[in-house]
Amino acid sequence: MAFTMRAVKVPPNSASLEEARHRVFDFFKQACRSIPTVMEIYNLEDVVTPAQLRSSIAKQIRQNQSITNPKVIDMLLFKGTEELNNIVEHAKQRHHVIGQYVIGEQGLLQETGSKDQASSEFLKKFYTSNYF
């Protein structure tokens, strides 16, 4: 096998919300420091800038800002750390990273202007309903 099994050291649970908050900031710093490596591994220079990746990471962290239970925050940090390790160890393929962190939830935006110029009504409805 290409990857060696490493013992995952799980830190003890956060004692308070403030400690969990500091762990979130440490994770964000760790993720931002790994952006150049990720850009190089997955050859993302032509698709996205490091600033856009950084804002994508921050956006995903901000989605959970309403959580106040330190145990839930620790669990989310563990999952985020595992995801970051998988990406840095090249356990994902390029299209997985692009789909999750570059395109994101808004989906792939496609222009329909050139196809709709001389199309029938049926094709116009077909094109608008079948874009993912």
C-alpha atoms as a PDB file:
ATOM      1  CA  MET A   1       0.000   0.000   0.000  1.00  0.00           C
ATOM      2  CA  ALA A   2       1.115   3.521  -0.716  1.00  0.00           C
ATOM      3  CA  PHE A   3      -0.089   4.957   2.564  1.00  0.00           C
ATOM      4  CA  THR A   4       1.101   3.880   5.950  1.00  0.00           C
ATOM      5  CA  MET A   5      -1.400   3.636   8.739  1.00  0.00           C
ATOM      6  CA  ARG A   6      -0.719   6.270  11.305  1.00  0.00           C
ATOM      7  CA  ALA A   7      -2.172   6.292  14.753  1.00  0.00           C
ATOM      8  CA  VAL A   8      -4.659   9.101  14.878  1.00  0.00           C
ATOM      9  CA  LYS A   9      -4.131  10.953  18.081  1.00  0.00           C
ATOM     10  CA  VAL A  10      -7.432  12.367  19.204  1.00  0.00           C
ATOM     11  CA  PRO A  11      -7.027  15.311  21.547  1.00  0.00           C
ATOM     12  CA  PRO A  12      -9.089  15.353  24.716  1.00  0.00           C
ATOM     13  CA  ASN A  13     -12.433  17.096  24.563  1.00  0.00           C
ATOM     14  CA  SER A  14     -12.487  20.833  24.947  1.00  0.00           C
ATOM     15  CA  ALA A  15     -13.289  21.896  28.470  1.00  0.00           C
ATOM     16  CA  SER A  16     -15.025  25.095  27.442  1.00  0.00           C
ATOM     17  CA  LEU A  17     -16.416  26.929  24.462  1.00  0.00           C
ATOM     18  CA  GLU A  18     -13.406  29.250  24.512  1.00  0.00           C
ATOM     19  CA  GLU A  19     -10.973  26.332  24.228  1.00  0.00           C
ATOM     20  CA  ALA A  20     -12.992  24.889  21.341  1.00  0.00           C
ATOM     21  CA  ARG A  21     -12.929  28.314  19.688  1.00  0.00           C
ATOM     22  CA  HIS A  22      -9.128  28.401  19.906  1.00  0.00           C
ATOM     23  CA  ARG A  23      -8.964  24.928  18.361  1.00  0.00           C
ATOM     24  CA  VAL A  24     -11.105  26.141  15.456  1.00  0.00           C
ATOM     25  CA  PHE A  25      -8.680  29.013  14.845  1.00  0.00           C
ATOM     26  CA  ASP A  26      -5.726  26.614  15.020  1.00  0.00           C
ATOM     27  CA  PHE A  27      -7.408  24.320  12.487  1.00  0.00           C
ATOM     28  CA  PHE A  28      -8.065  27.262  10.173  1.00  0.00           C
ATOM     29  CA  LYS A  29      -4.398  28.280  10.390  1.00  0.00           C
ATOM     30  CA  GLN A  30      -3.321  24.707   9.659  1.00  0.00           C
ATOM     31  CA  ALA A  31      -5.658  24.517   6.664  1.00  0.00           C
ATOM     32  CA  CYS A  32      -4.422  27.858   5.307  1.00  0.00           C
ATOM     33  CA  ARG A  33      -0.804  26.774   5.671  1.00  0.00           C
ATOM     34  CA  SER A  34      -1.511  23.665   3.630  1.00  0.00           C
ATOM     35  CA  ILE A  35      -3.083  25.586   0.720  1.00  0.00           C
ATOM     36  CA  PRO A  36       0.176  25.926  -1.276  1.00  0.00           C
ATOM     37  CA  THR A  37       0.758  22.189  -0.954  1.00  0.00           C
ATOM     38  CA  VAL A  38      -2.786  21.425  -2.081  1.00  0.00           C
ATOM     39  CA  MET A  39      -2.446  23.830  -5.008  1.00  0.00           C
ATOM     40  CA  GLU A  40       0.714  22.020  -6.096  1.00  0.00           C
ATOM     41  CA  ILE A  41      -0.550  18.459  -5.550  1.00  0.00           C
ATOM     42  CA  TYR A  42      -3.801  18.928  -7.443  1.00  0.00           C
ATOM     43  CA  ASN A  43      -2.499  21.423 -10.022  1.00  0.00           C
ATOM     44  CA  LEU A  44      -5.154  24.008  -9.167  1.00  0.00           C
ATOM     45  CA  GLU A  45      -3.314  27.121 -10.350  1.00  0.00           C
ATOM     46  CA  ASP A  46      -5.383  27.325 -13.535  1.00  0.00           C
ATOM     47  CA  VAL A  47      -8.698  26.875 -11.702  1.00  0.00           C
ATOM     48  CA  VAL A  48      -8.542  28.800  -8.436  1.00  0.00           C
ATOM     49  CA  THR A  49      -6.356  31.203  -6.477  1.00  0.00           C
ATOM     50  CA  PRO A  50      -5.112  30.562  -2.940  1.00  0.00           C
ATOM     51  CA  ALA A  51      -7.302  33.412  -1.707  1.00  0.00           C
ATOM     52  CA  GLN A  52     -10.398  31.752  -3.142  1.00  0.00           C
ATOM     53  CA  LEU A  53      -9.509  28.458  -1.449  1.00  0.00           C
ATOM     54  CA  ARG A  54      -8.946  30.292   1.823  1.00  0.00           C
ATOM     55  CA  SER A  55     -12.344  31.957   1.580  1.00  0.00           C
ATOM     56  CA  SER A  56     -13.956  28.596   0.758  1.00  0.00           C
ATOM     57  CA  ILE A  57     -12.450  27.102   3.915  1.00  0.00           C
ATOM     58  CA  ALA A  58     -13.592  30.085   5.963  1.00  0.00           C
ATOM     59  CA  LYS A  59     -17.091  29.808   4.493  1.00  0.00           C
ATOM     60  CA  GLN A  60     -17.343  26.170   5.508  1.00  0.00           C
ATOM     61  CA  ILE A  61     -16.180  26.967   9.023  1.00  0.00           C
ATOM     62  CA  ARG A  62     -18.663  29.848   9.289  1.00  0.00           C
ATOM     63  CA  GLN A  63     -21.542  27.523   8.368  1.00  0.00           C
ATOM     64  CA  ASN A  64     -21.210  26.018  11.840  1.00  0.00           C
ATOM     65  CA  GLN A  65     -20.730  29.225  13.802  1.00  0.00           C
ATOM     66  CA  SER A  66     -24.033  28.841  15.639  1.00  0.00           C
ATOM     67  CA  ILE A  67     -22.917  25.636  17.381  1.00  0.00           C
ATOM     68  CA  THR A  68     -22.183  26.210  21.054  1.00  0.00           C
ATOM     69  CA  ASN A  69     -21.647  22.660  22.334  1.00  0.00           C
ATOM     70  CA  PRO A  70     -17.869  22.076  22.717  1.00  0.00           C
ATOM     71  CA  LYS A  71     -18.227  18.328  22.097  1.00  0.00           C
ATOM     72  CA  VAL A  72     -19.960  18.923  18.772  1.00  0.00           C
ATOM     73  CA  ILE A  73     -17.277  21.451  17.817  1.00  0.00           C
ATOM     74  CA  ASP A  74     -14.579  18.901  18.677  1.00  0.00           C
ATOM     75  CA  MET A  75     -16.314  16.290  16.520  1.00  0.00           C
ATOM     76  CA  LEU A  76     -16.527  18.715  13.584  1.00  0.00           C
ATOM     77  CA  LEU A  77     -12.859  19.623  14.045  1.00  0.00           C
ATOM     78  CA  PHE A  78     -11.924  15.942  13.990  1.00  0.00           C
ATOM     79  CA  LYS A  79     -13.875  15.456  10.759  1.00  0.00           C
ATOM     80  CA  GLY A  80     -12.270  18.569   9.266  1.00  0.00           C
ATOM     81  CA  THR A  81      -8.804  17.382  10.251  1.00  0.00           C
ATOM     82  CA  GLU A  82      -9.443  14.013   8.636  1.00  0.00           C
ATOM     83  CA  GLU A  83     -10.656  15.719   5.459  1.00  0.00           C
ATOM     84  CA  LEU A  84      -7.561  17.924   5.394  1.00  0.00           C
ATOM     85  CA  ASN A  85      -5.296  14.905   5.920  1.00  0.00           C
ATOM     86  CA  ASN A  86      -7.011  13.052   3.081  1.00  0.00           C
ATOM     87  CA  ILE A  87      -6.512  16.001   0.770  1.00  0.00           C
ATOM     88  CA  VAL A  88      -2.871  16.580   1.723  1.00  0.00           C
ATOM     89  CA  GLU A  89      -2.054  12.849   1.460  1.00  0.00           C
ATOM     90  CA  HIS A  90      -3.562  12.862  -2.052  1.00  0.00           C
ATOM     91  CA  ALA A  91      -6.274  10.382  -1.117  1.00  0.00           C
ATOM     92  CA  LYS A  92      -8.754  12.364  -3.196  1.00  0.00           C
ATOM     93  CA  GLN A  93      -8.734  13.032  -6.892  1.00  0.00           C
ATOM     94  CA  ARG A  94      -8.545  16.441  -8.497  1.00  0.00           C
ATOM     95  CA  HIS A  95     -12.201  16.568  -9.491  1.00  0.00           C
ATOM     96  CA  HIS A  96     -13.265  15.806  -5.910  1.00  0.00           C
ATOM     97  CA  VAL A  97     -11.345  18.809  -4.615  1.00  0.00           C
ATOM     98  CA  ILE A  98     -12.600  21.047  -7.407  1.00  0.00           C
ATOM     99  CA  GLY A  99     -16.184  19.916  -6.922  1.00  0.00           C
ATOM    100  CA  GLN A 100     -16.182  20.384  -3.156  1.00  0.00           C
ATOM    101  CA  TYR A 101     -14.060  23.467  -2.647  1.00  0.00           C
ATOM    102  CA  VAL A 102     -13.845  25.370  -5.935  1.00  0.00           C
ATOM    103  CA  ILE A 103     -17.309  24.999  -7.438  1.00  0.00           C
ATOM    104  CA  GLY A 104     -18.962  24.422  -4.092  1.00  0.00           C
ATOM    105  CA  GLU A 105     -22.661  24.427  -3.447  1.00  0.00           C
ATOM    106  CA  GLN A 106     -23.632  26.960  -6.113  1.00  0.00           C
ATOM    107  CA  GLY A 107     -23.018  24.333  -8.777  1.00  0.00           C
ATOM    108  CA  LEU A 108     -21.461  24.696 -12.165  1.00  0.00           C
ATOM    109  CA  LEU A 109     -22.679  27.831 -13.864  1.00  0.00           C
ATOM    110  CA  GLN A 110     -23.127  27.382 -17.576  1.00  0.00           C
ATOM    111  CA  GLU A 111     -24.050  29.892 -20.219  1.00  0.00           C
ATOM    112  CA  THR A 112     -27.058  29.025 -22.294  1.00  0.00           C
ATOM    113  CA  GLY A 113     -27.054  32.092 -24.522  1.00  0.00           C
ATOM    114  CA  SER A 114     -25.308  30.581 -27.541  1.00  0.00           C
ATOM    115  CA  LYS A 115     -27.494  27.449 -27.536  1.00  0.00           C
ATOM    116  CA  ASP A 116     -30.781  29.291 -27.221  1.00  0.00           C
ATOM    117  CA  GLN A 117     -30.500  31.557 -30.268  1.00  0.00           C
ATOM    118  CA  ALA A 118     -32.007  29.280 -32.928  1.00  0.00           C
ATOM    119  CA  SER A 119     -33.604  26.616 -30.748  1.00  0.00           C
ATOM    120  CA  SER A 120     -37.144  25.451 -30.500  1.00  0.00           C
ATOM    121  CA  GLU A 121     -39.175  25.918 -27.328  1.00  0.00           C
ATOM    122  CA  PHE A 122     -38.710  22.229 -26.514  1.00  0.00           C
ATOM    123  CA  LEU A 123     -34.906  22.516 -26.643  1.00  0.00           C
ATOM    124  CA  LYS A 124     -34.914  25.705 -24.566  1.00  0.00           C
ATOM    125  CA  LYS A 125     -36.913  23.972 -21.835  1.00  0.00           C
ATOM    126  CA  PHE A 126     -34.702  20.902 -22.129  1.00  0.00           C
ATOM    127  CA  TYR A 127     -31.504  22.923 -21.749  1.00  0.00           C
ATOM    128  CA  THR A 128     -32.760  24.856 -18.746  1.00  0.00           C
ATOM    129  CA  SER A 129     -34.029  21.772 -16.936  1.00  0.00           C
ATOM    130  CA  ASN A 130     -30.989  19.529 -17.447  1.00  0.00           C
ATOM    131  CA  TYR A 131     -28.079  21.671 -16.258  1.00  0.00           C
ATOM    132  CA  PHE A 132     -26.678  20.462 -12.976  1.00  0.00           C
END
